[in-house]
Every structure is written in C-alpha cells, then in structure tokens.
Protein backbone atom coordinates (compact mmCIF):
# COMPACT_ATOMS: atom_id res chain seq x y z
CA MET A 1 0.00 0.00 0.00
CA SER A 2 3.08 2.25 0.03
CA GLY A 3 2.43 5.61 -1.62
CA GLU A 4 -1.35 5.28 -1.45
CA ILE A 5 -3.66 7.19 0.84
CA PRO A 6 -5.00 4.87 3.53
CA PRO A 7 -8.78 4.47 3.86
CA SER A 8 -10.53 7.14 5.87
CA ARG A 9 -13.28 7.41 8.39
CA ARG A 10 -14.90 10.51 9.78
CA GLU A 11 -15.17 10.99 13.51
CA PRO A 12 -17.33 13.55 15.30
CA HIS A 13 -15.49 16.77 16.01
CA GLU A 14 -15.62 17.75 19.65
CA GLY A 15 -15.34 21.43 18.82
CA GLY A 16 -18.59 21.49 16.85
CA ASP A 17 -17.33 23.97 14.27
CA GLY A 18 -20.54 24.06 12.26
CA ALA A 19 -21.54 22.60 8.92
CA GLY A 20 -19.10 20.08 7.57
CA SER A 21 -17.51 19.58 10.98
CA GLY A 22 -15.77 16.35 11.68
CA VAL A 23 -12.35 14.91 12.00
CA LEU A 24 -10.98 12.78 9.23
CA ALA A 25 -9.20 9.79 10.80
CA ARG A 26 -6.73 7.58 8.97
CA ARG A 27 -4.59 4.68 10.08
CA THR A 28 -1.17 4.56 8.45
CA GLY A 29 0.83 1.36 8.66
CA SER A 30 4.25 2.79 7.82
CA SER A 31 6.22 6.00 7.50
CA ASP A 32 5.67 5.79 3.72
CA GLU A 33 1.90 5.84 4.26
CA THR A 34 2.21 8.77 6.65
CA ARG A 35 4.25 10.64 4.02
CA ALA A 36 1.68 9.73 1.34
CA LEU A 37 -1.11 11.25 3.45
CA GLY A 38 0.96 14.42 3.90
CA GLU A 39 1.66 14.48 0.16
CA ALA A 40 -2.04 14.18 -0.67
CA LEU A 41 -2.78 17.13 1.60
CA GLY A 42 0.07 19.10 0.00
CA ARG A 43 -1.31 18.46 -3.50
CA LEU A 44 -4.73 19.73 -2.41
CA LEU A 45 -3.25 22.82 -0.78
CA ARG A 46 -1.38 23.50 -4.03
CA LYS A 47 -4.54 22.90 -6.09
CA HIS A 48 -6.40 25.41 -3.91
CA ASP A 49 -3.44 27.84 -4.11
CA ALA A 50 -3.77 27.96 -0.33
CA ARG A 51 -1.26 30.71 0.37
CA GLY A 52 -1.37 31.59 4.04
CA ALA A 53 -2.73 28.15 5.02
CA VAL A 54 -1.61 26.81 8.39
CA VAL A 55 -1.25 23.14 9.30
CA ALA A 56 -0.89 22.58 13.07
CA LEU A 57 0.75 19.26 13.96
CA THR A 58 0.52 17.64 17.39
CA GLY A 59 1.48 14.28 18.84
CA PRO A 60 4.12 12.72 21.03
CA LEU A 61 7.82 12.71 20.17
CA GLY A 62 8.49 10.24 17.36
CA ALA A 63 4.86 10.00 16.24
CA GLY A 64 5.64 11.15 12.69
CA LYS A 65 5.04 14.90 12.58
CA THR A 66 8.18 15.59 10.54
CA CYS A 67 7.49 12.52 8.38
CA PHE A 68 4.03 13.94 7.57
CA VAL A 69 5.62 17.30 6.70
CA GLN A 70 8.08 15.56 4.36
CA GLY A 71 5.09 14.35 2.34
CA LEU A 72 3.40 17.74 2.62
CA ALA A 73 6.47 19.39 1.10
CA ARG A 74 6.55 16.90 -1.76
CA GLY A 75 2.86 17.55 -2.50
CA LEU A 76 3.42 21.32 -2.45
CA GLY A 77 6.35 20.99 -4.86
CA ALA A 78 8.64 22.54 -2.25
CA GLY A 79 12.30 21.66 -2.69
CA GLY A 80 14.91 20.40 -0.27
CA TYR A 81 15.20 17.63 2.29
CA VAL A 82 12.72 18.25 5.10
CA ARG A 83 14.20 17.74 8.54
CA SER A 84 12.94 18.52 12.01
CA PRO A 85 13.23 22.24 12.75
CA THR A 86 13.83 21.60 16.47
CA PHE A 87 17.06 23.56 16.77
CA VAL A 88 16.58 26.05 13.93
CA LEU A 89 12.89 26.78 14.75
CA VAL A 90 11.93 27.67 11.14
CA HIS A 91 12.95 26.02 7.87
CA HIS A 92 11.93 27.52 4.51
CA TYR A 93 11.50 25.26 1.48
CA PRO A 94 10.99 27.24 -1.76
CA GLY A 95 8.64 26.09 -4.49
CA PRO A 96 5.48 27.02 -6.39
CA LEU A 97 3.79 27.08 -2.98
CA PRO A 98 6.61 27.50 -0.44
CA LEU A 99 6.62 25.65 2.85
CA TYR A 100 7.58 27.17 6.20
CA HIS A 101 8.21 24.40 8.75
CA VAL A 102 8.12 25.69 12.32
CA ASP A 103 8.79 23.93 15.63
CA LEU A 104 7.35 25.47 18.80
CA TYR A 105 8.44 22.66 21.17
CA ARG A 106 10.78 24.90 23.15
CA ILE A 107 8.95 28.19 22.58
CA GLY A 108 6.74 29.72 25.23
CA PRO A 109 3.82 32.07 24.50
CA SER A 110 5.93 35.10 25.41
CA ASP A 111 8.54 34.12 22.79
CA LEU A 112 6.09 33.98 19.86
CA ASP A 113 6.30 37.69 19.03
CA GLY A 114 10.05 37.56 18.51
CA LEU A 115 9.74 34.59 16.15
CA GLY A 116 7.73 36.56 13.55
CA LEU A 117 5.24 33.70 13.28
CA GLU A 118 2.30 35.93 12.35
CA GLU A 119 4.21 37.34 9.35
CA ILE A 120 5.21 33.83 8.25
CA MET A 121 1.61 32.56 8.48
CA GLU A 122 0.31 35.50 6.46
CA GLY A 123 2.97 35.01 3.79
CA ASP A 124 3.15 33.48 0.36
CA GLY A 125 3.22 29.81 1.37
CA VAL A 126 1.93 27.13 3.68
CA THR A 127 3.07 27.07 7.30
CA ALA A 128 3.36 23.70 9.05
CA ILE A 129 3.75 24.16 12.80
CA GLU A 130 4.84 21.32 15.06
CA TRP A 131 3.73 21.55 18.69
CA ALA A 132 1.26 24.30 17.83
CA GLY A 133 -1.08 25.58 20.50
CA PRO A 134 -4.12 27.86 20.31
CA PRO A 135 -2.30 31.14 21.03
CA ALA A 136 -0.14 30.62 17.93
CA LEU A 137 -2.90 29.62 15.49
CA PRO A 138 -5.16 31.67 13.23
CA ALA A 139 -8.90 31.01 13.27
CA ASP A 140 -8.71 29.16 9.92
CA HIS A 141 -6.27 26.26 10.08
CA LEU A 142 -5.96 22.52 9.65
CA SER A 143 -5.04 20.40 12.66
CA VAL A 144 -3.15 17.13 12.25
CA GLU A 145 -2.86 14.92 15.32
CA LEU A 146 -0.63 11.86 15.12
CA ALA A 147 -0.87 9.06 17.68
CA PHE A 148 0.91 5.74 18.15
CA GLU A 149 -0.97 2.48 17.67
CA THR A 150 -0.10 -0.93 19.12
CA ASP A 151 1.85 -1.91 15.98
CA GLU A 152 5.11 0.06 16.31
CA ASN A 153 4.95 1.35 12.70
CA ALA A 154 1.25 2.23 12.70
CA ARG A 155 -0.19 5.65 13.47
CA THR A 156 -3.63 7.15 13.74
CA VAL A 157 -3.72 10.49 11.96
CA ARG A 158 -6.66 12.78 12.70
CA ILE A 159 -7.15 15.79 10.45
CA GLY A 160 -9.48 18.51 11.68
CA ALA A 161 -10.50 21.76 10.05
CA HIS A 162 -11.15 25.10 11.67
CA GLY A 163 -12.58 27.69 9.30
CA GLU A 164 -14.29 27.52 5.92
CA ARG A 165 -11.24 27.23 3.66
CA SER A 166 -9.73 24.49 5.82
CA ARG A 167 -13.04 22.57 5.85
CA ARG A 168 -13.13 22.60 2.03
CA ILE A 169 -9.58 21.26 1.88
CA ARG A 170 -10.24 18.56 4.50
CA ASP A 171 -13.42 17.51 2.69
CA ASP A 172 -11.50 17.30 -0.61
CA LEU A 173 -8.94 15.09 1.12
CA GLU A 174 -11.69 12.81 2.36
CA THR A 175 -13.16 12.58 -1.15
CA CYS A 176 -9.71 11.81 -2.55
CA ALA A 177 -9.21 8.95 -0.07
CA SER A 178 -12.74 7.59 -0.60
CA SER A 179 -12.23 7.29 -4.35
CA ARG A 180 -9.24 4.91 -3.95
C-alpha cells in the first residue's frame, strides 16, 4: 500500500465547528503511508493555491510529525530535504507554494512575538507548525494529530479543520481517499 492514501473514516469533532464539521481519521501502517497522506494534503493545498494556510501538527515525540511534513512538502512541490526544525525553529523550502516548517516545542507564549510567526503565516506559502497551540494559530487552520498504535509502525492520523477554507480542503482530502 506504500504511496497510497489509507482508507478514511470521519469521527465527530468535539469542537462542533458548524456545517461540515468532523475529524478525518486515517490509520497509516508505515512511514511511507504517513508521508503519502501528507503528500495528498500538500497536492490539495497546491490545487487550492492555499497561500497563508496553516497546518498545526501535534502528537508525542516520534509520532511522525516531521514525516508527515516531508510528504506535505513533496505535495506542495517545495524543494529540499525536510528535517525537524527543532534547533533552527523555522525552515523555509521554496517552491510554487513555499513551505515554512516551524517547531514550537521549546517556545513559550511570550517568545512567539520575537519569532515573527504571524508574518510567516500571512505570507506566500503554507506554514506547518509542530507543537502548535491555540495562542499561535489563526482562526482558519488545519489540525493534524498523530498518535501511536499498538503496531510500532502504525499511526492514527486525525485531520481537523477550523474555518471555511480548511473545511473545504479537508473535505477534498476525504473525497480523494474515498475514491481509492
């Protein structure tokens, strides 16, 4: 199944964000499948010319956040090898729809202003933020939560949407997965 989007299921969204609410849940059985899911999302963001889109990634250490972003970059057409931004905080990958990969693991709320995150999120590309919390996120964003499963290579990936544009993109992703 490598390279293909895993089957999806929709779960109720606890936030109740209106029409079209729901969380798209996928089980990936390998890092390749996690990358493929990220790549599918990247292709849709590129199709929608989603400049200024924000993807907030959460999950425990080693759950696959950077792996997902590697696929996202490939789908966006952004160049360069994607690595964890833990010590650099922000990596920029140029392309038709550039990717800004941000890591907030060691950043407190008072440090956000000095990072220039708001300017990055309002820029010409897509911003993927690892360890994102509500104070750092715009009202319209996609949330990607990765969780371990009992099989050491498997993950549950839950993709939520907050805001109209993000709901359209999430719904397109669900349609894409359902047609496979």
